Amino acid sequence: MLIQASDLRTTGFDIMTRLALFVKEMRKTYGLTQVDLALKSGVGLRFVRDLEQGKKSTLRLDKVNQVLRLFGAEMAPVKSPAPEDITPPA
């Protein structure tokens, strides 16, 4: 699942809300409890709870990706066109 910036503007959800909904939905789809998800992904239960609640202080990309890998997904920067007023270095 790839979330692009343009998707976020049109859906009205910020990235943490979309991420939280995705993780919670996938966890339930796979029949996992929050405890199961924490154990299988190697993160703490509090991290899983905070992630599913969309808490921004939770966003550690390495830990988020540990959770997402269980569902065949990951978060990573996606290259988008640079603003016209920025020139890349030579």
PDB file of N, CA and C in Angstrom:
ATOM      1  N   MET A   1       0.849  -1.176   0.000  1.00  0.00           N
ATOM      2  CA  MET A   1       0.000   0.000   0.000  1.00  0.00           C
ATOM      3  C   MET A   1       0.885   1.226   0.000  1.00  0.00           C
ATOM      4  N   LEU A   2       0.719   2.069  -0.969  1.00  0.00           N
ATOM      5  CA  LEU A   2       1.511   3.290  -1.081  1.00  0.00           C
ATOM      6  C   LEU A   2       0.602   4.481  -0.866  1.00  0.00           C
ATOM      7  N   ILE A   3       0.945   5.308   0.107  1.00  0.00           N
ATOM      8  CA  ILE A   3       0.166   6.509   0.396  1.00  0.00           C
ATOM      9  C   ILE A   3       0.933   7.694  -0.153  1.00  0.00           C
ATOM     10  N   GLN A   4       0.334   8.424  -1.075  1.00  0.00           N
ATOM     11  CA  GLN A   4       0.992   9.588  -1.657  1.00  0.00           C
ATOM     12  C   GLN A   4       0.400  10.863  -1.081  1.00  0.00           C
ATOM     13  N   ALA A   5       1.190  11.927  -1.119  1.00  0.00           N
ATOM     14  CA  ALA A   5       0.770  13.203  -0.546  1.00  0.00           C
ATOM     15  C   ALA A   5      -0.544  13.686  -1.155  1.00  0.00           C
ATOM     16  N   SER A   6      -0.730  13.489  -2.447  1.00  0.00           N
ATOM     17  CA  SER A   6      -1.963  13.950  -3.092  1.00  0.00           C
ATOM     18  C   SER A   6      -3.177  13.215  -2.529  1.00  0.00           C
ATOM     19  N   ASP A   7      -3.020  11.947  -2.168  1.00  0.00           N
ATOM     20  CA  ASP A   7      -4.108  11.182  -1.561  1.00  0.00           C
ATOM     21  C   ASP A   7      -4.514  11.793  -0.220  1.00  0.00           C
ATOM     22  N   LEU A   8      -3.528  12.236   0.534  1.00  0.00           N
ATOM     23  CA  LEU A   8      -3.794  12.765   1.860  1.00  0.00           C
ATOM     24  C   LEU A   8      -4.592  14.057   1.801  1.00  0.00           C
ATOM     25  N   ARG A   9      -4.299  14.895   0.821  1.00  0.00           N
ATOM     26  CA  ARG A   9      -5.016  16.161   0.706  1.00  0.00           C
ATOM     27  C   ARG A   9      -6.478  15.941   0.319  1.00  0.00           C
ATOM     28  N   THR A  10      -6.734  14.944  -0.506  1.00  0.00           N
ATOM     29  CA  THR A  10      -8.102  14.752  -0.987  1.00  0.00           C
ATOM     30  C   THR A  10      -8.954  13.941  -0.024  1.00  0.00           C
ATOM     31  N   THR A  11      -8.362  13.118   0.813  1.00  0.00           N
ATOM     32  CA  THR A  11      -9.155  12.285   1.710  1.00  0.00           C
ATOM     33  C   THR A  11      -9.499  12.987   3.009  1.00  0.00           C
ATOM     34  N   GLY A  12      -8.771  14.024   3.355  1.00  0.00           N
ATOM     35  CA  GLY A  12      -9.027  14.717   4.605  1.00  0.00           C
ATOM     36  C   GLY A  12      -8.356  14.064   5.797  1.00  0.00           C
ATOM     37  N   PHE A  13      -7.637  13.005   5.598  1.00  0.00           N
ATOM     38  CA  PHE A  13      -6.916  12.335   6.677  1.00  0.00           C
ATOM     39  C   PHE A  13      -5.448  12.704   6.617  1.00  0.00           C
ATOM     40  N   ASP A  14      -4.829  12.906   7.777  1.00  0.00           N
ATOM     41  CA  ASP A  14      -3.385  13.108   7.768  1.00  0.00           C
ATOM     42  C   ASP A  14      -2.692  11.747   7.725  1.00  0.00           C
ATOM     43  N   ILE A  15      -1.401  11.762   7.541  1.00  0.00           N
ATOM     44  CA  ILE A  15      -0.641  10.513   7.360  1.00  0.00           C
ATOM     45  C   ILE A  15      -0.760   9.595   8.576  1.00  0.00           C
ATOM     46  N   MET A  16      -0.753  10.157   9.785  1.00  0.00           N
ATOM     47  CA  MET A  16      -0.834   9.309  10.974  1.00  0.00           C
ATOM     48  C   MET A  16      -2.199   8.646  11.088  1.00  0.00           C
ATOM     49  N   THR A  17      -3.244   9.356  10.707  1.00  0.00           N
ATOM     50  CA  THR A  17      -4.584   8.764  10.748  1.00  0.00           C
ATOM     51  C   THR A  17      -4.691   7.632   9.745  1.00  0.00           C
ATOM     52  N   ARG A  18      -4.180   7.848   8.534  1.00  0.00           N
ATOM     53  CA  ARG A  18      -4.214   6.789   7.511  1.00  0.00           C
ATOM     54  C   ARG A  18      -3.395   5.583   7.945  1.00  0.00           C
ATOM     55  N   LEU A  19      -2.221   5.852   8.516  1.00  0.00           N
ATOM     56  CA  LEU A  19      -1.362   4.771   8.985  1.00  0.00           C
ATOM     57  C   LEU A  19      -2.046   3.999  10.109  1.00  0.00           C
ATOM     58  N   ALA A  20      -2.627   4.722  11.059  1.00  0.00           N
ATOM     59  CA  ALA A  20      -3.307   4.084  12.184  1.00  0.00           C
ATOM     60  C   ALA A  20      -4.450   3.197  11.700  1.00  0.00           C
ATOM     61  N   LEU A  21      -5.249   3.705  10.782  1.00  0.00           N
ATOM     62  CA  LEU A  21      -6.369   2.929  10.255  1.00  0.00           C
ATOM     63  C   LEU A  21      -5.883   1.692   9.504  1.00  0.00           C
ATOM     64  N   PHE A  22      -4.813   1.845   8.727  1.00  0.00           N
ATOM     65  CA  PHE A  22      -4.267   0.712   7.981  1.00  0.00           C
ATOM     66  C   PHE A  22      -3.787  -0.384   8.918  1.00  0.00           C
ATOM     67  N   VAL A  23      -3.003  -0.010   9.928  1.00  0.00           N
ATOM     68  CA  VAL A  23      -2.447  -1.007  10.858  1.00  0.00           C
ATOM     69  C   VAL A  23      -3.577  -1.722  11.598  1.00  0.00           C
ATOM     70  N   LYS A  24      -4.524  -0.972  12.092  1.00  0.00           N
ATOM     71  CA  LYS A  24      -5.629  -1.578  12.848  1.00  0.00           C
ATOM     72  C   LYS A  24      -6.452  -2.514  11.962  1.00  0.00           C
ATOM     73  N   GLU A  25      -6.746  -2.062  10.742  1.00  0.00           N
ATOM     74  CA  GLU A  25      -7.519  -2.891   9.814  1.00  0.00           C
ATOM     75  C   GLU A  25      -6.777  -4.177   9.463  1.00  0.00           C
ATOM     76  N   MET A  26      -5.489  -4.060   9.174  1.00  0.00           N
ATOM     77  CA  MET A  26      -4.709  -5.251   8.817  1.00  0.00           C
ATOM     78  C   MET A  26      -4.582  -6.198  10.008  1.00  0.00           C
ATOM     79  N   ARG A  27      -4.377  -5.660  11.187  1.00  0.00           N
ATOM     80  CA  ARG A  27      -4.273  -6.504  12.386  1.00  0.00           C
ATOM     81  C   ARG A  27      -5.545  -7.322  12.558  1.00  0.00           C
ATOM     82  N   LYS A  28      -6.686  -6.667  12.408  1.00  0.00           N
ATOM     83  CA  LYS A  28      -7.965  -7.369  12.558  1.00  0.00           C
ATOM     84  C   LYS A  28      -8.185  -8.376  11.431  1.00  0.00           C
ATOM     85  N   THR A  29      -7.789  -8.010  10.211  1.00  0.00           N
ATOM     86  CA  THR A  29      -7.918  -8.916   9.072  1.00  0.00           C
ATOM     87  C   THR A  29      -7.148 -10.213   9.308  1.00  0.00           C
ATOM     88  N   TYR A  30      -5.964 -10.081   9.915  1.00  0.00           N
ATOM     89  CA  TYR A  30      -5.130 -11.248  10.190  1.00  0.00           C
ATOM     90  C   TYR A  30      -5.494 -11.929  11.509  1.00  0.00           C
ATOM     91  N   GLY A  31      -6.509 -11.416  12.194  1.00  0.00           N
ATOM     92  CA  GLY A  31      -6.963 -12.033  13.432  1.00  0.00           C
ATOM     93  C   GLY A  31      -5.982 -11.897  14.586  1.00  0.00           C
ATOM     94  N   LEU A  32      -5.252 -10.800  14.617  1.00  0.00           N
ATOM     95  CA  LEU A  32      -4.257 -10.589  15.667  1.00  0.00           C
ATOM     96  C   LEU A  32      -4.779  -9.621  16.723  1.00  0.00           C
ATOM     97  N   THR A  33      -4.385  -9.869  17.948  1.00  0.00           N
ATOM     98  CA  THR A  33      -4.625  -8.884  19.001  1.00  0.00           C
ATOM     99  C   THR A  33      -3.464  -7.896  18.963  1.00  0.00           C
ATOM    100  N   GLN A  34      -3.591  -6.822  19.704  1.00  0.00           N
ATOM    101  CA  GLN A  34      -2.471  -5.883  19.792  1.00  0.00           C
ATOM    102  C   GLN A  34      -1.255  -6.558  20.414  1.00  0.00           C
ATOM    103  N   VAL A  35      -1.483  -7.425  21.369  1.00  0.00           N
ATOM    104  CA  VAL A  35      -0.380  -8.166  22.001  1.00  0.00           C
ATOM    105  C   VAL A  35       0.302  -9.054  20.964  1.00  0.00           C
ATOM    106  N   ASP A  36      -0.492  -9.782  20.168  1.00  0.00           N
ATOM    107  CA  ASP A  36       0.070 -10.632  19.109  1.00  0.00           C
ATOM    108  C   ASP A  36       0.920  -9.818  18.145  1.00  0.00           C
ATOM    109  N   LEU A  37       0.386  -8.674  17.718  1.00  0.00           N
ATOM    110  CA  LEU A  37       1.092  -7.826  16.764  1.00  0.00           C
ATOM    111  C   LEU A  37       2.413  -7.341  17.343  1.00  0.00           C
ATOM    112  N   ALA A  38       2.397  -6.933  18.589  1.00  0.00           N
ATOM    113  CA  ALA A  38       3.627  -6.473  19.246  1.00  0.00           C
ATOM    114  C   ALA A  38       4.662  -7.596  19.293  1.00  0.00           C
ATOM    115  N   LEU A  39       4.242  -8.792  19.691  1.00  0.00           N
ATOM    116  CA  LEU A  39       5.169  -9.919  19.789  1.00  0.00           C
ATOM    117  C   LEU A  39       5.710 -10.335  18.425  1.00  0.00           C
ATOM    118  N   LYS A  40       4.839 -10.438  17.429  1.00  0.00           N
ATOM    119  CA  LYS A  40       5.265 -10.889  16.104  1.00  0.00           C
ATOM    120  C   LYS A  40       6.160  -9.872  15.389  1.00  0.00           C
ATOM    121  N   SER A  41       5.949  -8.586  15.661  1.00  0.00           N
ATOM    122  CA  SER A  41       6.744  -7.565  14.976  1.00  0.00           C
ATOM    123  C   SER A  41       7.970  -7.139  15.775  1.00  0.00           C
ATOM    124  N   GLY A  42       8.038  -7.514  17.043  1.00  0.00           N
ATOM    125  CA  GLY A  42       9.213  -7.185  17.850  1.00  0.00           C
ATOM    126  C   GLY A  42       9.211  -5.765  18.403  1.00  0.00           C
ATOM    127  N   VAL A  43       8.025  -5.184  18.541  1.00  0.00           N
ATOM    128  CA  VAL A  43       7.913  -3.859  19.147  1.00  0.00           C
ATOM    129  C   VAL A  43       7.101  -3.994  20.429  1.00  0.00           C
ATOM    130  N   GLY A  44       7.090  -2.958  21.224  1.00  0.00           N
ATOM    131  CA  GLY A  44       6.344  -3.002  22.471  1.00  0.00           C
ATOM    132  C   GLY A  44       4.854  -2.818  22.265  1.00  0.00           C
ATOM    133  N   LEU A  45       4.078  -3.318  23.224  1.00  0.00           N
ATOM    134  CA  LEU A  45       2.628  -3.182  23.175  1.00  0.00           C
ATOM    135  C   LEU A  45       2.221  -1.713  23.191  1.00  0.00           C
ATOM    136  N   ARG A  46       2.894  -0.910  23.990  1.00  0.00           N
ATOM    137  CA  ARG A  46       2.561   0.518  24.035  1.00  0.00           C
ATOM    138  C   ARG A  46       2.756   1.167  22.663  1.00  0.00           C
ATOM    139  N   PHE A  47       3.821   0.763  21.939  1.00  0.00           N
ATOM    140  CA  PHE A  47       4.059   1.305  20.606  1.00  0.00           C
ATOM    141  C   PHE A  47       2.887   0.973  19.680  1.00  0.00           C
ATOM    142  N   VAL A  48       2.427  -0.281  19.722  1.00  0.00           N
ATOM    143  CA  VAL A  48       1.305  -0.691  18.874  1.00  0.00           C
ATOM    144  C   VAL A  48       0.063   0.118  19.222  1.00  0.00           C
ATOM    145  N   ARG A  49      -0.212   0.273  20.500  1.00  0.00           N
ATOM    146  CA  ARG A  49      -1.398   1.039  20.917  1.00  0.00           C
ATOM    147  C   ARG A  49      -1.302   2.493  20.458  1.00  0.00           C
ATOM    148  N   ASP A  50      -0.145   3.103  20.661  1.00  0.00           N
ATOM    149  CA  ASP A  50       0.051   4.489  20.231  1.00  0.00           C
ATOM    150  C   ASP A  50      -0.055   4.628  18.714  1.00  0.00           C
ATOM    151  N   LEU A  51       0.499   3.661  18.003  1.00  0.00           N
ATOM    152  CA  LEU A  51       0.453   3.679  16.541  1.00  0.00           C
ATOM    153  C   LEU A  51      -0.994   3.618  16.054  1.00  0.00           C
ATOM    154  N   GLU A  52      -1.777   2.722  16.627  1.00  0.00           N
ATOM    155  CA  GLU A  52      -3.178   2.584  16.217  1.00  0.00           C
ATOM    156  C   GLU A  52      -4.025   3.785  16.627  1.00  0.00           C
ATOM    157  N   GLN A  53      -3.554   4.566  17.577  1.00  0.00           N
ATOM    158  CA  GLN A  53      -4.274   5.776  17.983  1.00  0.00           C
ATOM    159  C   GLN A  53      -3.791   6.998  17.198  1.00  0.00           C
ATOM    160  N   GLY A  54      -2.791   6.804  16.349  1.00  0.00           N
ATOM    161  CA  GLY A  54      -2.308   7.889  15.505  1.00  0.00           C
ATOM    162  C   GLY A  54      -1.489   8.940  16.228  1.00  0.00           C
ATOM    163  N   LYS A  55      -0.852   8.543  17.314  1.00  0.00           N
ATOM    164  CA  LYS A  55      -0.043   9.503  18.075  1.00  0.00           C
ATOM    165  C   LYS A  55       1.231   9.825  17.307  1.00  0.00           C
ATOM    166  N   LYS A  56       1.442  11.093  17.028  1.00  0.00           N
ATOM    167  CA  LYS A  56       2.583  11.518  16.215  1.00  0.00           C
ATOM    168  C   LYS A  56       3.919  11.256  16.893  1.00  0.00           C
ATOM    169  N   SER A  57       3.959  11.253  18.210  1.00  0.00           N
ATOM    170  CA  SER A  57       5.214  10.991  18.913  1.00  0.00           C
ATOM    171  C   SER A  57       5.701   9.561  18.686  1.00  0.00           C
ATOM    172  N   THR A  58       4.824   8.722  18.157  1.00  0.00           N
ATOM    173  CA  THR A  58       5.138   7.312  17.911  1.00  0.00           C
ATOM    174  C   THR A  58       5.988   7.114  16.664  1.00  0.00           C
ATOM    175  N   LEU A  59       5.977   8.063  15.767  1.00  0.00           N
ATOM    176  CA  LEU A  59       6.544   7.859  14.445  1.00  0.00           C
ATOM    177  C   LEU A  59       8.054   7.692  14.450  1.00  0.00           C
ATOM    178  N   ARG A  60       8.485   6.474  14.654  1.00  0.00           N
ATOM    179  CA  ARG A  60       9.873   6.064  14.428  1.00  0.00           C
ATOM    180  C   ARG A  60       9.811   5.124  13.241  1.00  0.00           C
ATOM    181  N   LEU A  61      10.349   5.578  12.141  1.00  0.00           N
ATOM    182  CA  LEU A  61      10.190   4.854  10.885  1.00  0.00           C
ATOM    183  C   LEU A  61      10.660   3.407  10.971  1.00  0.00           C
ATOM    184  N   ASP A  62      11.758   3.152  11.679  1.00  0.00           N
ATOM    185  CA  ASP A  62      12.239   1.777  11.785  1.00  0.00           C
ATOM    186  C   ASP A  62      11.213   0.880  12.477  1.00  0.00           C
ATOM    187  N   LYS A  63      10.614   1.369  13.554  1.00  0.00           N
ATOM    188  CA  LYS A  63       9.622   0.567  14.279  1.00  0.00           C
ATOM    189  C   LYS A  63       8.309   0.456  13.502  1.00  0.00           C
ATOM    190  N   VAL A  64       7.903   1.548  12.859  1.00  0.00           N
ATOM    191  CA  VAL A  64       6.693   1.495  12.037  1.00  0.00           C
ATOM    192  C   VAL A  64       6.869   0.436  10.957  1.00  0.00           C
ATOM    193  N   ASN A  65       8.033   0.406  10.318  1.00  0.00           N
ATOM    194  CA  ASN A  65       8.273  -0.576   9.262  1.00  0.00           C
ATOM    195  C   ASN A  65       8.364  -1.999   9.799  1.00  0.00           C
ATOM    196  N   GLN A  66       8.803  -2.186  11.035  1.00  0.00           N
ATOM    197  CA  GLN A  66       8.783  -3.525  11.633  1.00  0.00           C
ATOM    198  C   GLN A  66       7.353  -4.052  11.667  1.00  0.00           C
ATOM    199  N   VAL A  67       6.423  -3.188  12.034  1.00  0.00           N
ATOM    200  CA  VAL A  67       5.013  -3.575  12.089  1.00  0.00           C
ATOM    201  C   VAL A  67       4.474  -3.787  10.679  1.00  0.00           C
ATOM    202  N   LEU A  68       4.727  -2.851   9.787  1.00  0.00           N
ATOM    203  CA  LEU A  68       4.172  -2.919   8.433  1.00  0.00           C
ATOM    204  C   LEU A  68       4.680  -4.127   7.650  1.00  0.00           C
ATOM    205  N   ARG A  69       5.908  -4.554   7.906  1.00  0.00           N
ATOM    206  CA  ARG A  69       6.462  -5.708   7.167  1.00  0.00           C
ATOM    207  C   ARG A  69       5.640  -6.977   7.362  1.00  0.00           C
ATOM    208  N   LEU A  70       4.983  -7.098   8.509  1.00  0.00           N
ATOM    209  CA  LEU A  70       4.123  -8.269   8.722  1.00  0.00           C
ATOM    210  C   LEU A  70       2.996  -8.327   7.703  1.00  0.00           C
ATOM    211  N   PHE A  71       2.618  -7.168   7.179  1.00  0.00           N
ATOM    212  CA  PHE A  71       1.512  -7.078   6.231  1.00  0.00           C
ATOM    213  C   PHE A  71       1.994  -6.817   4.808  1.00  0.00           C
ATOM    214  N   GLY A  72       3.298  -6.984   4.563  1.00  0.00           N
ATOM    215  CA  GLY A  72       3.841  -6.794   3.224  1.00  0.00           C
ATOM    216  C   GLY A  72       3.858  -5.344   2.776  1.00  0.00           C
ATOM    217  N   ALA A  73       4.024  -4.419   3.728  1.00  0.00           N
ATOM    218  CA  ALA A  73       4.026  -2.995   3.399  1.00  0.00           C
ATOM    219  C   ALA A  73       5.193  -2.310   4.098  1.00  0.00           C
ATOM    220  N   GLU A  74       5.507  -1.111   3.660  1.00  0.00           N
ATOM    221  CA  GLU A  74       6.511  -0.296   4.339  1.00  0.00           C
ATOM    222  C   GLU A  74       6.283   1.168   3.998  1.00  0.00           C
ATOM    223  N   MET A  75       6.820   2.024   4.851  1.00  0.00           N
ATOM    224  CA  MET A  75       6.772   3.468   4.591  1.00  0.00           C
ATOM    225  C   MET A  75       8.151   3.895   4.143  1.00  0.00           C
ATOM    226  N   ALA A  76       8.180   4.739   3.143  1.00  0.00           N
ATOM    227  CA  ALA A  76       9.452   5.241   2.632  1.00  0.00           C
ATOM    228  C   ALA A  76       9.185   6.552   1.897  1.00  0.00           C
ATOM    229  N   PRO A  77      10.220   7.378   1.757  1.00  0.00           N
ATOM    230  CA  PRO A  77      10.038   8.607   0.984  1.00  0.00           C
ATOM    231  C   PRO A  77       9.681   8.279  -0.466  1.00  0.00           C
ATOM    232  N   VAL A  78       8.797   9.072  -1.014  1.00  0.00           N
ATOM    233  CA  VAL A  78       8.402   8.924  -2.405  1.00  0.00           C
ATOM    234  C   VAL A  78       8.784  10.214  -3.116  1.00  0.00           C
ATOM    235  N   LYS A  79       9.577  10.086  -4.172  1.00  0.00           N
ATOM    236  CA  LYS A  79      10.021  11.270  -4.905  1.00  0.00           C
ATOM    237  C   LYS A  79       8.837  11.918  -5.604  1.00  0.00           C
ATOM    238  N   SER A  80       8.748  13.212  -5.416  1.00  0.00           N
ATOM    239  CA  SER A  80       7.717  13.984  -6.094  1.00  0.00           C
ATOM    240  C   SER A  80       8.394  15.173  -6.766  1.00  0.00           C
ATOM    241  N   PRO A  81       7.720  15.817  -7.699  1.00  0.00           N
ATOM    242  CA  PRO A  81       8.341  16.961  -8.383  1.00  0.00           C
ATOM    243  C   PRO A  81       8.731  18.048  -7.379  1.00  0.00           C
ATOM    244  N   ALA A  82       9.918  18.602  -7.569  1.00  0.00           N
ATOM    245  CA  ALA A  82      10.392  19.688  -6.705  1.00  0.00           C
ATOM    246  C   ALA A  82       9.644  20.966  -7.046  1.00  0.00           C
ATOM    247  N   PRO A  83       9.418  21.802  -6.055  1.00  0.00           N
ATOM    248  CA  PRO A  83       8.796  23.096  -6.355  1.00  0.00           C
ATOM    249  C   PRO A  83       9.638  23.873  -7.354  1.00  0.00           C
ATOM    250  N   GLU A  84       8.996  24.666  -8.165  1.00  0.00           N
ATOM    251  CA  GLU A  84       9.695  25.405  -9.216  1.00  0.00           C
ATOM    252  C   GLU A  84      10.727  26.384  -8.677  1.00  0.00           C
ATOM    253  N   ASP A  85      10.551  26.861  -7.459  1.00  0.00           N
ATOM    254  CA  ASP A  85      11.464  27.865  -6.923  1.00  0.00           C
ATOM    255  C   ASP A  85      12.693  27.252  -6.245  1.00  0.00           C
ATOM    256  N   ILE A  86      12.857  25.929  -6.324  1.00  0.00           N
ATOM    257  CA  ILE A  86      14.027  25.271  -5.744  1.00  0.00           C
ATOM    258  C   ILE A  86      14.848  24.642  -6.871  1.00  0.00           C
ATOM    259  N   THR A  87      16.119  24.959  -6.890  1.00  0.00           N
ATOM    260  CA  THR A  87      17.027  24.407  -7.895  1.00  0.00           C
ATOM    261  C   THR A  87      17.905  23.370  -7.233  1.00  0.00           C
ATOM    262  N   PRO A  88      17.985  22.147  -7.799  1.00  0.00           N
ATOM    263  CA  PRO A  88      18.842  21.125  -7.196  1.00  0.00           C
ATOM    264  C   PRO A  88      20.314  21.526  -7.302  1.00  0.00           C
ATOM    265  N   PRO A  89      21.134  21.066  -6.368  1.00  0.00           N
ATOM    266  CA  PRO A  89      22.562  21.405  -6.421  1.00  0.00           C
ATOM    267  C   PRO A  89      23.225  20.801  -7.662  1.00  0.00           C
ATOM    268  N   ALA A  90      24.262  21.476  -8.129  1.00  0.00           N
ATOM    269  CA  ALA A  90      24.962  21.022  -9.344  1.00  0.00           C
ATOM    270  C   ALA A  90      25.878  19.871  -9.060  1.00  0.00           C
TER     271      ALA A  90
END
